[in-house]
Amino acid sequence: MANQENKKERLKDKIRKKYRIVVYNNETYEEKIHFKFTLLNFFNIVILSSVLLIVLVTYLIAFTPLREYIPGYTDVSLNRRVYEMERRADSLETVFRQKDLYINNLKKIIMGDDFESDSINSLLTKTSETHFDNKAVKNSKKDSLFRIEYENETRNNLFSNVISSDNHQEFKLVSFFAPINGIVTNHFNREQKHYGTDLVSSNNSVIKATADGTVIYSDWTVENGYCIGIQHNGNLFSVYKHNAVLLKEDGDFVNAGDAIAIYGNSGSLSTGPHLHFELWYNGTPLNPEDYISFETNNIQ
């Protein structure tokens, strides 16, 4: 016990013992400066200096650009640009995939093939209410009565009465233009997968756009002959089949009442001259007769 206490005392004396560091002039041996310290002071200074050094280095690495010079660290702005490019690439990939699926489904609609309507609905985003103003149709050699026909069609529009209480509030202000005046020979029938209305009219009648939009399909198919599809605002899509001649091409913008095709009898599914007209909303087929009044005028 006595030996241990003696050791402790000697240790205390050693760390508390004062030392001096003196700096002399090498030639005159004149004392220039001296330092007095104990081992305890020395250890405290070393520990405090180490802590301050660690804090300083951490701050420089975390909050200053100096960390870019440390091996293993990259430029912060470069990381941000890489992240932004990856995010945009992912977004573009998603958009292209959605567009491809959407266009493929529209082609299936035009060709009469089976498709999953949910796949279209999932890709479409709702837009604000769209109003189609009555457009004055320019007179042409083919049909100088377009303006009069348009006014007559809009007077007989059934759309506002039909949708006032259903879920199609987005286009409650839309006025549809009848694509042709004629006799309805085959009605819309979802169960039989007849997703449109068949109309018989006079020979060489002009098929007109039912609303403003952009032609996204204008081509010939074996079953449906010369077909044209128009994408309208508000996720509306109209299809016109079995035409004799197509007057518009892909990418053309059309106004309601513009001539887009000539009435005919093309395609293997056609049993005689007629127009097969379809109207779609968000990938769901609509009954055109619920929204448009098809009159019988001057059929020869």
Protein backbone atom coordinates (compact mmCIF):
# COMPACT_ATOMS: atom_id res chain seq x y z
CA MET A 1 0.00 0.00 0.00
CA ALA A 2 2.78 2.39 0.93
CA ASN A 3 4.63 1.63 -2.32
CA GLN A 4 1.52 2.34 -4.43
CA GLU A 5 0.93 5.63 -2.66
CA ASN A 6 4.55 6.57 -3.22
CA LYS A 7 4.24 5.81 -6.94
CA LYS A 8 1.14 7.99 -7.19
CA GLU A 9 2.85 10.82 -5.44
CA ARG A 10 5.90 10.55 -7.69
CA LEU A 11 3.64 10.55 -10.77
CA LYS A 12 1.79 13.64 -9.54
CA ASP A 13 5.05 15.37 -8.86
CA LYS A 14 6.34 14.45 -12.33
CA ILE A 15 3.34 15.80 -14.24
CA ARG A 16 3.25 18.91 -12.07
CA LYS A 17 6.97 19.50 -12.20
CA LYS A 18 7.78 22.62 -14.13
CA TYR A 19 10.06 22.59 -17.15
CA ARG A 20 11.55 25.41 -19.12
CA ILE A 21 12.39 25.73 -22.80
CA VAL A 22 14.87 28.50 -23.46
CA VAL A 23 15.95 29.96 -26.81
CA TYR A 24 19.45 31.50 -26.87
CA ASN A 25 21.33 33.54 -29.39
CA ASN A 26 23.89 31.18 -30.88
CA GLU A 27 26.68 33.76 -30.86
CA THR A 28 26.10 35.78 -27.70
CA TYR A 29 24.22 33.14 -25.74
CA GLU A 30 21.74 35.84 -24.90
CA GLU A 31 18.40 34.46 -23.80
CA LYS A 32 15.77 35.45 -26.33
CA ILE A 33 12.67 33.67 -25.12
CA HIS A 34 11.69 30.94 -22.74
CA PHE A 35 8.61 28.82 -22.01
CA LYS A 36 7.59 27.33 -18.69
CA PHE A 37 5.22 24.37 -18.65
CA THR A 38 4.34 21.14 -16.93
CA LEU A 39 3.57 17.79 -18.51
CA LEU A 40 -0.07 18.27 -17.53
CA ASN A 41 -0.18 21.57 -19.43
CA PHE A 42 1.54 19.97 -22.39
CA PHE A 43 -0.99 17.11 -22.60
CA ASN A 44 -3.89 19.55 -22.29
CA ILE A 45 -2.52 21.68 -25.10
CA VAL A 46 -2.00 18.65 -27.35
CA ILE A 47 -5.54 17.35 -26.73
CA LEU A 48 -7.13 20.78 -27.27
CA SER A 49 -5.12 21.35 -30.43
CA SER A 50 -6.15 17.94 -31.79
CA VAL A 51 -9.83 18.66 -31.14
CA LEU A 52 -9.61 22.07 -32.80
CA LEU A 53 -7.80 20.55 -35.78
CA ILE A 54 -10.46 17.87 -36.20
CA VAL A 55 -13.25 20.46 -36.01
CA LEU A 56 -11.50 22.69 -38.53
CA VAL A 57 -10.89 19.88 -41.03
CA THR A 58 -14.47 18.66 -40.68
CA TYR A 59 -15.80 22.15 -41.35
CA LEU A 60 -13.60 22.57 -44.41
CA ILE A 61 -14.72 19.24 -45.84
CA ALA A 62 -18.40 19.73 -45.12
CA PHE A 63 -18.98 23.40 -45.94
CA THR A 64 -16.30 24.56 -48.37
CA PRO A 65 -15.28 23.62 -51.93
CA LEU A 66 -11.91 22.46 -50.59
CA ARG A 67 -13.32 18.96 -50.23
CA GLU A 68 -13.21 18.69 -54.03
CA TYR A 69 -9.42 18.47 -53.78
CA ILE A 70 -9.59 15.47 -51.47
CA PRO A 71 -9.19 12.16 -53.33
CA GLY A 72 -12.53 10.38 -53.63
CA TYR A 73 -14.68 13.53 -53.65
CA THR A 74 -16.28 14.84 -56.85
CA ASP A 75 -17.49 18.26 -57.91
CA VAL A 76 -20.79 19.11 -56.22
CA SER A 77 -22.16 20.84 -59.31
CA LEU A 78 -21.20 17.80 -61.36
CA ASN A 79 -23.14 15.55 -59.03
CA ARG A 80 -26.16 17.81 -59.35
CA ARG A 81 -25.93 17.83 -63.14
CA VAL A 82 -25.61 14.06 -63.27
CA TYR A 83 -28.63 13.67 -60.99
CA GLU A 84 -30.66 16.12 -63.07
CA MET A 85 -29.72 14.35 -66.31
CA GLU A 86 -30.67 10.97 -64.87
CA ARG A 87 -34.00 12.37 -63.69
CA ARG A 88 -34.74 13.87 -67.09
CA ALA A 89 -33.71 10.68 -68.86
CA ASP A 90 -36.09 8.67 -66.69
CA SER A 91 -38.87 11.18 -67.39
CA LEU A 92 -38.25 11.07 -71.14
CA GLU A 93 -38.24 7.29 -71.12
CA THR A 94 -41.58 7.28 -69.33
CA VAL A 95 -43.07 9.84 -71.71
CA PHE A 96 -41.91 7.94 -74.81
CA ARG A 97 -43.27 4.70 -73.42
CA GLN A 98 -46.62 6.34 -72.71
CA LYS A 99 -46.75 7.93 -76.16
CA ASP A 100 -45.95 4.64 -77.88
CA LEU A 101 -48.64 2.82 -75.93
CA TYR A 102 -51.15 5.60 -76.56
CA ILE A 103 -50.50 5.70 -80.33
CA ASN A 104 -50.60 1.90 -80.59
CA ASN A 105 -53.96 1.83 -78.84
CA LEU A 106 -55.32 4.53 -81.14
CA LYS A 107 -54.23 2.47 -84.14
CA LYS A 108 -56.01 -0.54 -82.66
CA ILE A 109 -59.15 1.58 -82.25
CA ILE A 110 -59.00 2.64 -85.90
CA MET A 111 -58.33 -0.89 -87.14
CA GLY A 112 -60.99 -2.39 -84.90
CA ASP A 113 -58.59 -4.60 -82.95
CA ASP A 114 -59.02 -5.48 -79.28
CA PHE A 115 -57.28 -3.26 -76.77
CA GLU A 116 -57.24 -2.47 -73.06
CA SER A 117 -59.00 0.81 -72.39
CA ASP A 118 -57.41 1.04 -68.95
CA SER A 119 -54.01 1.36 -70.58
CA ILE A 120 -55.18 4.50 -72.34
CA ASN A 121 -56.91 5.94 -69.30
CA SER A 122 -53.75 5.61 -67.24
CA LEU A 123 -51.78 7.68 -69.75
CA LEU A 124 -54.20 10.56 -70.19
CA THR A 125 -54.27 13.53 -67.85
CA LYS A 126 -57.34 15.62 -67.38
CA THR A 127 -57.31 19.07 -68.88
CA SER A 128 -59.37 22.11 -68.14
CA GLU A 129 -62.77 22.59 -69.72
CA THR A 130 -62.45 23.30 -73.41
CA HIS A 131 -64.88 25.35 -75.47
CA PHE A 132 -65.14 24.87 -79.20
CA ASP A 133 -66.42 28.11 -80.70
CA ASN A 134 -68.61 27.78 -83.75
CA LYS A 135 -66.26 28.05 -86.70
CA ALA A 136 -67.35 29.62 -89.97
CA VAL A 137 -66.47 27.09 -92.65
CA LYS A 138 -64.96 28.56 -95.77
CA ASN A 139 -66.88 28.05 -98.97
CA SER A 140 -65.24 25.80 -101.52
CA LYS A 141 -66.02 24.33 -104.90
CA LYS A 142 -66.73 20.96 -103.30
CA ASP A 143 -69.30 22.26 -100.87
CA SER A 144 -70.47 25.87 -100.90
CA LEU A 145 -73.06 25.16 -98.19
CA PHE A 146 -70.62 24.34 -95.35
CA ARG A 147 -71.52 27.45 -93.37
CA ILE A 148 -75.28 26.77 -93.55
CA GLU A 149 -74.80 23.10 -92.70
CA TYR A 150 -72.67 23.97 -89.71
CA GLU A 151 -75.26 26.35 -88.31
CA ASN A 152 -77.96 23.72 -88.77
CA GLU A 153 -75.83 21.07 -87.07
CA THR A 154 -75.09 23.17 -84.00
CA ARG A 155 -78.77 23.92 -83.54
CA ASN A 156 -79.48 20.20 -83.39
CA ASN A 157 -76.61 19.36 -81.02
CA LEU A 158 -77.83 17.00 -78.29
CA PHE A 159 -74.63 17.02 -76.28
CA SER A 160 -75.49 19.57 -73.58
CA ASN A 161 -78.75 17.79 -72.73
CA VAL A 162 -77.12 14.39 -72.45
CA ILE A 163 -74.10 15.09 -70.27
CA SER A 164 -75.42 17.67 -67.86
CA SER A 165 -75.80 15.07 -65.13
CA ASP A 166 -73.09 12.54 -65.95
CA ASN A 167 -69.34 12.34 -65.46
CA HIS A 168 -68.35 14.09 -68.71
CA GLN A 169 -68.35 17.59 -67.30
CA GLU A 170 -65.05 18.42 -69.00
CA PHE A 171 -66.66 19.03 -72.40
CA LYS A 172 -70.11 20.24 -71.42
CA LEU A 173 -69.52 23.30 -73.63
CA VAL A 174 -68.40 21.30 -76.68
CA SER A 175 -70.52 21.55 -79.85
CA PHE A 176 -70.06 18.59 -82.18
CA PHE A 177 -70.45 18.91 -85.93
CA ALA A 178 -72.21 15.99 -87.63
CA PRO A 179 -69.63 14.37 -89.94
CA ILE A 180 -72.30 13.76 -92.57
CA ASN A 181 -76.05 13.99 -93.06
CA GLY A 182 -77.53 10.58 -93.61
CA ILE A 183 -79.60 7.67 -92.42
CA VAL A 184 -78.41 5.67 -89.42
CA THR A 185 -78.31 2.04 -90.56
CA ASN A 186 -76.42 0.47 -87.67
CA HIS A 187 -76.38 1.79 -84.13
CA PHE A 188 -73.71 1.76 -81.44
CA ASN A 189 -73.58 -1.61 -79.65
CA ARG A 190 -70.93 -2.19 -76.99
CA GLU A 191 -71.86 -5.83 -76.47
CA GLN A 192 -71.29 -6.63 -80.13
CA LYS A 193 -68.11 -4.51 -80.16
CA HIS A 194 -69.66 -2.16 -82.68
CA TYR A 195 -68.20 1.00 -81.20
CA GLY A 196 -69.68 3.48 -83.66
CA THR A 197 -72.60 4.56 -85.80
CA ASP A 198 -73.03 3.60 -89.47
CA LEU A 199 -74.49 6.29 -91.74
CA VAL A 200 -75.67 6.04 -95.34
CA SER A 201 -75.65 9.20 -97.42
CA SER A 202 -75.57 10.34 -101.02
CA ASN A 203 -72.66 9.40 -103.25
CA ASN A 204 -69.56 11.60 -103.14
CA SER A 205 -70.72 13.33 -99.96
CA VAL A 206 -68.06 15.17 -98.01
CA ILE A 207 -67.03 13.80 -94.60
CA LYS A 208 -66.40 16.64 -92.13
CA ALA A 209 -64.46 16.92 -88.89
CA THR A 210 -66.74 16.69 -85.89
CA ALA A 211 -64.64 19.17 -83.86
CA ASP A 212 -61.36 21.06 -83.89
CA GLY A 213 -58.34 18.80 -83.64
CA THR A 214 -55.21 17.31 -85.19
CA VAL A 215 -55.13 14.40 -87.62
CA ILE A 216 -52.96 11.70 -86.07
CA TYR A 217 -53.90 8.84 -88.41
CA SER A 218 -54.67 8.97 -92.13
CA ASP A 219 -54.11 5.70 -93.95
CA TRP A 220 -55.63 2.63 -95.58
CA THR A 221 -56.31 -0.71 -93.87
CA VAL A 222 -57.54 -3.98 -95.33
CA GLU A 223 -60.63 -4.26 -93.14
CA ASN A 224 -61.66 -0.61 -92.79
CA GLY A 225 -60.37 0.89 -96.01
CA TYR A 226 -59.41 4.55 -95.96
CA CYS A 227 -59.55 5.69 -92.32
CA ILE A 228 -58.82 8.95 -90.62
CA GLY A 229 -58.48 9.65 -86.87
CA ILE A 230 -58.56 13.08 -85.22
CA GLN A 231 -57.31 13.89 -81.72
CA HIS A 232 -59.38 16.66 -80.10
CA ASN A 233 -58.87 18.64 -76.92
CA GLY A 234 -60.24 17.21 -73.69
CA ASN A 235 -59.01 13.66 -74.51
CA LEU A 236 -61.61 13.25 -77.26
CA PHE A 237 -60.85 11.13 -80.31
CA SER A 238 -62.97 10.64 -83.43
CA VAL A 239 -62.63 7.98 -86.14
CA TYR A 240 -64.03 7.94 -89.70
CA LYS A 241 -63.88 4.64 -91.64
CA HIS A 242 -64.64 3.22 -95.12
CA ASN A 243 -63.96 6.47 -96.99
CA ALA A 244 -63.32 6.66 -100.73
CA VAL A 245 -60.66 9.37 -100.54
CA LEU A 246 -58.74 10.99 -97.69
CA LEU A 247 -58.33 14.77 -97.88
CA LYS A 248 -56.08 15.27 -94.85
CA GLU A 249 -52.71 13.88 -93.80
CA ASP A 250 -51.07 13.08 -90.49
CA GLY A 251 -50.28 16.24 -88.55
CA ASP A 252 -52.87 18.46 -90.27
CA PHE A 253 -54.93 20.69 -87.98
CA VAL A 254 -58.63 20.82 -88.81
CA ASN A 255 -61.51 22.98 -87.65
CA ALA A 256 -64.98 21.68 -86.93
CA GLY A 257 -66.73 21.24 -90.29
CA ASP A 258 -63.59 21.02 -92.41
CA ALA A 259 -63.69 18.47 -95.21
CA ILE A 260 -61.46 15.52 -94.30
CA ALA A 261 -62.60 12.71 -96.63
CA ILE A 262 -65.05 11.64 -99.35
CA TYR A 263 -67.88 9.23 -98.55
CA GLY A 264 -67.23 5.78 -99.96
CA ASN A 265 -67.19 2.00 -99.66
CA SER A 266 -63.65 0.84 -98.92
CA GLY A 267 -62.41 -2.03 -96.77
CA SER A 268 -63.34 -5.71 -96.52
CA LEU A 269 -65.75 -5.09 -93.62
CA SER A 270 -67.84 -2.64 -95.65
CA THR A 271 -71.01 -4.16 -97.15
CA GLY A 272 -71.93 -1.03 -99.08
CA PRO A 273 -71.30 2.71 -99.23
CA HIS A 274 -71.50 4.11 -95.71
CA LEU A 275 -69.56 5.99 -93.05
CA HIS A 276 -68.59 4.24 -89.83
CA PHE A 277 -68.16 7.03 -87.25
CA GLU A 278 -66.72 6.52 -83.76
CA LEU A 279 -66.31 8.90 -80.83
CA TRP A 280 -63.98 8.08 -77.92
CA TYR A 281 -63.26 9.77 -74.59
CA ASN A 282 -60.28 8.73 -72.47
CA GLY A 283 -60.13 5.41 -74.29
CA THR A 284 -63.83 4.70 -73.71
CA PRO A 285 -66.18 4.45 -76.71
CA LEU A 286 -69.16 6.82 -76.68
CA ASN A 287 -72.45 6.48 -78.52
CA PRO A 288 -72.30 9.25 -81.15
CA GLU A 289 -76.10 9.44 -81.29
CA ASP A 290 -76.12 10.61 -77.66
CA TYR A 291 -74.17 13.71 -78.63
CA ILE A 292 -74.98 14.45 -82.28
CA SER A 293 -78.26 14.73 -84.19
CA PHE A 294 -77.87 12.98 -87.54
CA GLU A 295 -80.34 14.55 -89.97
CA THR A 296 -81.53 13.15 -93.27
CA ASN A 297 -81.27 15.92 -95.85
CA ASN A 298 -81.03 15.64 -99.64
CA ILE A 299 -80.01 11.97 -99.74
CA GLN A 300 -80.04 10.66 -103.27
